[in-house]
Amino acid sequence: MTQPSNTYWPEARVLMDSLPVGVFRMNNDTARSILFVNTCLCGMLSYQDADTKSLNAQDVFVDPALLRPLEEKALKDGSVFCPEIEVFTKTKKRITCSLSLVALFDHDTKGKTLSWDGILQDISGAKRVEKDLKE
């Protein structure tokens, strides 16, 4: 996990780790390497923090190709919300999450996209209840 190099990182890490949703930062490289995950996302996906150092979008998202149109919309609109996307746990169990995504830009290189910040919220339980109510 790469840590940002600003003086607020310890406080920001405490804040992010106390959130009841999964928070991540994903590199804008071809593999969409995962740079950071918070404690909630580690638990949601059944990873230990140290296990997340080599993750990329292929490891986390069931269909990583779905990220491209979401990224394009986030670049256009500033952020994007996807009400349902499937992600893998460490054991390759599929869970359904909602996803919010925003781009982080490098202002020194004329707005080049450096990385993506995202929030995943597990909605699998709500989906099961919805399905049960329909039956």
C-alpha atoms as a PDB file:
ATOM      1  CA  MET A   1       0.000   0.000   0.000  1.00  0.00           C
ATOM      2  CA  THR A   2       1.419   3.361  -1.011  1.00  0.00           C
ATOM      3  CA  GLN A   3       0.868   6.142   1.468  1.00  0.00           C
ATOM      4  CA  PRO A   4       0.396   9.744   0.373  1.00  0.00           C
ATOM      5  CA  SER A   5       3.304  11.948   1.364  1.00  0.00           C
ATOM      6  CA  ASN A   6       1.464  14.788   3.071  1.00  0.00           C
ATOM      7  CA  THR A   7       1.455  15.637   6.753  1.00  0.00           C
ATOM      8  CA  TYR A   8      -2.244  14.831   7.151  1.00  0.00           C
ATOM      9  CA  TRP A   9      -1.871  11.151   6.242  1.00  0.00           C
ATOM     10  CA  PRO A  10      -2.071   9.735   9.818  1.00  0.00           C
ATOM     11  CA  GLU A  11      -5.292  11.635  10.530  1.00  0.00           C
ATOM     12  CA  ALA A  12      -6.731  10.811   7.108  1.00  0.00           C
ATOM     13  CA  ARG A  13      -5.940   7.125   7.593  1.00  0.00           C
ATOM     14  CA  VAL A  14      -7.742   7.097  10.954  1.00  0.00           C
ATOM     15  CA  LEU A  15     -10.748   8.782   9.364  1.00  0.00           C
ATOM     16  CA  MET A  16     -10.858   6.400   6.380  1.00  0.00           C
ATOM     17  CA  ASP A  17     -10.435   3.344   8.577  1.00  0.00           C
ATOM     18  CA  SER A  18     -13.387   4.398  10.717  1.00  0.00           C
ATOM     19  CA  LEU A  19     -15.765   4.646   7.752  1.00  0.00           C
ATOM     20  CA  PRO A  20     -18.383   1.879   7.351  1.00  0.00           C
ATOM     21  CA  VAL A  21     -17.733   1.701   3.582  1.00  0.00           C
ATOM     22  CA  GLY A  22     -14.803   0.470   1.524  1.00  0.00           C
ATOM     23  CA  VAL A  23     -12.439   3.198   0.340  1.00  0.00           C
ATOM     24  CA  PHE A  24      -9.727   2.613  -2.258  1.00  0.00           C
ATOM     25  CA  ARG A  25      -7.293   4.406  -4.545  1.00  0.00           C
ATOM     26  CA  MET A  26      -6.575   2.844  -7.926  1.00  0.00           C
ATOM     27  CA  ASN A  27      -3.700   3.823 -10.210  1.00  0.00           C
ATOM     28  CA  ASN A  28      -4.447   5.041 -13.723  1.00  0.00           C
ATOM     29  CA  ASP A  29      -2.051   2.473 -15.199  1.00  0.00           C
ATOM     30  CA  THR A  30      -3.164  -0.270 -17.589  1.00  0.00           C
ATOM     31  CA  ALA A  31      -3.663  -2.839 -14.812  1.00  0.00           C
ATOM     32  CA  ARG A  32      -5.457  -0.335 -12.570  1.00  0.00           C
ATOM     33  CA  SER A  33      -3.217  -1.258  -9.634  1.00  0.00           C
ATOM     34  CA  ILE A  34      -4.807  -0.813  -6.222  1.00  0.00           C
ATOM     35  CA  LEU A  35      -2.706   1.666  -4.248  1.00  0.00           C
ATOM     36  CA  PHE A  36      -4.685   1.881  -1.025  1.00  0.00           C
ATOM     37  CA  VAL A  37      -7.631   0.211   0.691  1.00  0.00           C
ATOM     38  CA  ASN A  38      -9.174   1.022   4.050  1.00  0.00           C
ATOM     39  CA  THR A  39      -9.916  -1.440   6.849  1.00  0.00           C
ATOM     40  CA  CYS A  40     -13.583  -1.834   5.904  1.00  0.00           C
ATOM     41  CA  LEU A  41     -12.714  -2.826   2.331  1.00  0.00           C
ATOM     42  CA  CYS A  42     -10.131  -5.326   3.581  1.00  0.00           C
ATOM     43  CA  GLY A  43     -12.837  -6.929   5.712  1.00  0.00           C
ATOM     44  CA  MET A  44     -15.472  -6.763   2.983  1.00  0.00           C
ATOM     45  CA  LEU A  45     -13.173  -8.567   0.540  1.00  0.00           C
ATOM     46  CA  SER A  46     -11.586 -10.875   3.166  1.00  0.00           C
ATOM     47  CA  TYR A  47      -8.050  -9.535   2.731  1.00  0.00           C
ATOM     48  CA  GLN A  48      -5.405  -8.690   5.280  1.00  0.00           C
ATOM     49  CA  ASP A  49      -3.907  -5.240   4.676  1.00  0.00           C
ATOM     50  CA  ALA A  50      -0.572  -6.740   3.552  1.00  0.00           C
ATOM     51  CA  ASP A  51      -2.392  -8.873   0.946  1.00  0.00           C
ATOM     52  CA  THR A  52      -3.631  -5.780  -0.887  1.00  0.00           C
ATOM     53  CA  LYS A  53      -0.196  -4.592  -2.034  1.00  0.00           C
ATOM     54  CA  SER A  54      -0.314  -6.489  -5.331  1.00  0.00           C
ATOM     55  CA  LEU A  55      -4.028  -6.180  -6.159  1.00  0.00           C
ATOM     56  CA  ASN A  56      -5.332  -4.712  -9.392  1.00  0.00           C
ATOM     57  CA  ALA A  57      -8.763  -4.242 -10.960  1.00  0.00           C
ATOM     58  CA  GLN A  58      -8.713  -7.830 -12.342  1.00  0.00           C
ATOM     59  CA  ASP A  59      -8.457  -9.143  -8.770  1.00  0.00           C
ATOM     60  CA  VAL A  60     -11.282  -7.013  -7.397  1.00  0.00           C
ATOM     61  CA  PHE A  61     -13.851  -6.362 -10.118  1.00  0.00           C
ATOM     62  CA  VAL A  62     -15.718  -9.280 -11.702  1.00  0.00           C
ATOM     63  CA  ASP A  63     -15.808  -7.372 -15.012  1.00  0.00           C
ATOM     64  CA  PRO A  64     -13.033  -4.742 -14.994  1.00  0.00           C
ATOM     65  CA  ALA A  65     -14.095  -3.619 -18.490  1.00  0.00           C
ATOM     66  CA  LEU A  66     -17.110  -1.977 -16.826  1.00  0.00           C
ATOM     67  CA  LEU A  67     -14.724   0.525 -15.238  1.00  0.00           C
ATOM     68  CA  ARG A  68     -13.801   2.205 -18.541  1.00  0.00           C
ATOM     69  CA  PRO A  69     -17.234   3.810 -19.247  1.00  0.00           C
ATOM     70  CA  LEU A  70     -17.524   4.728 -15.561  1.00  0.00           C
ATOM     71  CA  GLU A  71     -14.111   6.405 -15.675  1.00  0.00           C
ATOM     72  CA  GLU A  72     -15.097   8.310 -18.822  1.00  0.00           C
ATOM     73  CA  LYS A  73     -18.277   9.547 -17.138  1.00  0.00           C
ATOM     74  CA  ALA A  74     -16.308  10.551 -14.023  1.00  0.00           C
ATOM     75  CA  LEU A  75     -13.885  12.533 -16.185  1.00  0.00           C
ATOM     76  CA  LYS A  76     -16.797  14.282 -17.879  1.00  0.00           C
ATOM     77  CA  ASP A  77     -19.008  14.872 -14.826  1.00  0.00           C
ATOM     78  CA  GLY A  78     -16.461  14.996 -11.992  1.00  0.00           C
ATOM     79  CA  SER A  79     -17.698  11.795 -10.370  1.00  0.00           C
ATOM     80  CA  VAL A  80     -19.854   8.792 -11.128  1.00  0.00           C
ATOM     81  CA  PHE A  81     -22.161   6.555  -9.120  1.00  0.00           C
ATOM     82  CA  CYS A  82     -22.834   2.976 -10.184  1.00  0.00           C
ATOM     83  CA  PRO A  83     -25.696   1.453  -8.158  1.00  0.00           C
ATOM     84  CA  GLU A  84     -24.556  -2.135  -8.777  1.00  0.00           C
ATOM     85  CA  ILE A  85     -21.233  -3.699  -9.664  1.00  0.00           C
ATOM     86  CA  GLU A  86     -19.932  -7.124  -8.774  1.00  0.00           C
ATOM     87  CA  VAL A  87     -16.625  -7.544  -6.981  1.00  0.00           C
ATOM     88  CA  PHE A  88     -14.615 -10.568  -5.896  1.00  0.00           C
ATOM     89  CA  THR A  89     -13.601 -11.430  -2.370  1.00  0.00           C
ATOM     90  CA  LYS A  90     -10.188 -13.001  -1.836  1.00  0.00           C
ATOM     91  CA  THR A  91     -11.810 -16.452  -2.214  1.00  0.00           C
ATOM     92  CA  LYS A  92     -13.455 -15.348  -5.504  1.00  0.00           C
ATOM     93  CA  LYS A  93     -16.909 -15.186  -3.930  1.00  0.00           C
ATOM     94  CA  ARG A  94     -18.960 -12.536  -5.744  1.00  0.00           C
ATOM     95  CA  ILE A  95     -20.599  -9.730  -3.820  1.00  0.00           C
ATOM     96  CA  THR A  96     -22.696  -6.880  -5.149  1.00  0.00           C
ATOM     97  CA  CYS A  97     -21.644  -3.352  -4.283  1.00  0.00           C
ATOM     98  CA  SER A  98     -22.481   0.195  -5.185  1.00  0.00           C
ATOM     99  CA  LEU A  99     -19.520   2.184  -6.480  1.00  0.00           C
ATOM    100  CA  SER A 100     -18.671   5.885  -6.416  1.00  0.00           C
ATOM    101  CA  LEU A 101     -15.627   6.959  -8.404  1.00  0.00           C
ATOM    102  CA  VAL A 102     -13.727  10.241  -8.846  1.00  0.00           C
ATOM    103  CA  ALA A 103     -10.555  11.054 -10.767  1.00  0.00           C
ATOM    104  CA  LEU A 104      -7.478  12.610  -9.175  1.00  0.00           C
ATOM    105  CA  PHE A 105      -5.527  14.892 -11.473  1.00  0.00           C
ATOM    106  CA  ASP A 106      -1.934  16.067 -11.592  1.00  0.00           C
ATOM    107  CA  HIS A 107      -2.257  19.812 -11.976  1.00  0.00           C
ATOM    108  CA  ASP A 108       1.445  20.124 -12.821  1.00  0.00           C
ATOM    109  CA  THR A 109       1.071  18.042 -15.991  1.00  0.00           C
ATOM    110  CA  LYS A 110      -1.931  19.818 -17.484  1.00  0.00           C
ATOM    111  CA  GLY A 111      -4.594  17.722 -15.842  1.00  0.00           C
ATOM    112  CA  LYS A 112      -3.261  14.219 -16.461  1.00  0.00           C
ATOM    113  CA  THR A 113      -5.340  11.640 -14.558  1.00  0.00           C
ATOM    114  CA  LEU A 114      -3.098  10.115 -11.905  1.00  0.00           C
ATOM    115  CA  SER A 115      -5.459   7.823 -10.077  1.00  0.00           C
ATOM    116  CA  TRP A 116      -9.032   7.064  -9.111  1.00  0.00           C
ATOM    117  CA  ASP A 117     -10.577   7.284  -5.673  1.00  0.00           C
ATOM    118  CA  GLY A 118     -13.496   4.997  -5.061  1.00  0.00           C
ATOM    119  CA  ILE A 119     -16.017   3.966  -2.459  1.00  0.00           C
ATOM    120  CA  LEU A 120     -17.578   0.500  -2.454  1.00  0.00           C
ATOM    121  CA  GLN A 121     -20.583  -0.321  -0.314  1.00  0.00           C
ATOM    122  CA  ASP A 122     -21.695  -3.936   0.018  1.00  0.00           C
ATOM    123  CA  ILE A 123     -25.359  -4.146  -0.964  1.00  0.00           C
ATOM    124  CA  SER A 124     -25.501  -7.958  -1.173  1.00  0.00           C
ATOM    125  CA  GLY A 125     -27.749  -8.214   1.896  1.00  0.00           C
ATOM    126  CA  ALA A 126     -30.185  -5.659   0.517  1.00  0.00           C
ATOM    127  CA  LYS A 127     -30.241  -7.480  -2.827  1.00  0.00           C
ATOM    128  CA  ARG A 128     -31.074 -10.787  -1.041  1.00  0.00           C
ATOM    129  CA  VAL A 129     -33.911  -9.155   0.892  1.00  0.00           C
ATOM    130  CA  GLU A 130     -35.242  -7.572  -2.306  1.00  0.00           C
ATOM    131  CA  LYS A 131     -35.145 -10.947  -4.056  1.00  0.00           C
ATOM    132  CA  ASP A 132     -36.881 -12.675  -1.113  1.00  0.00           C
ATOM    133  CA  LEU A 133     -39.647 -10.066  -1.103  1.00  0.00           C
ATOM    134  CA  LYS A 134     -40.292 -10.636  -4.798  1.00  0.00           C
ATOM    135  CA  GLU A 135     -40.709 -14.391  -4.284  1.00  0.00           C
END
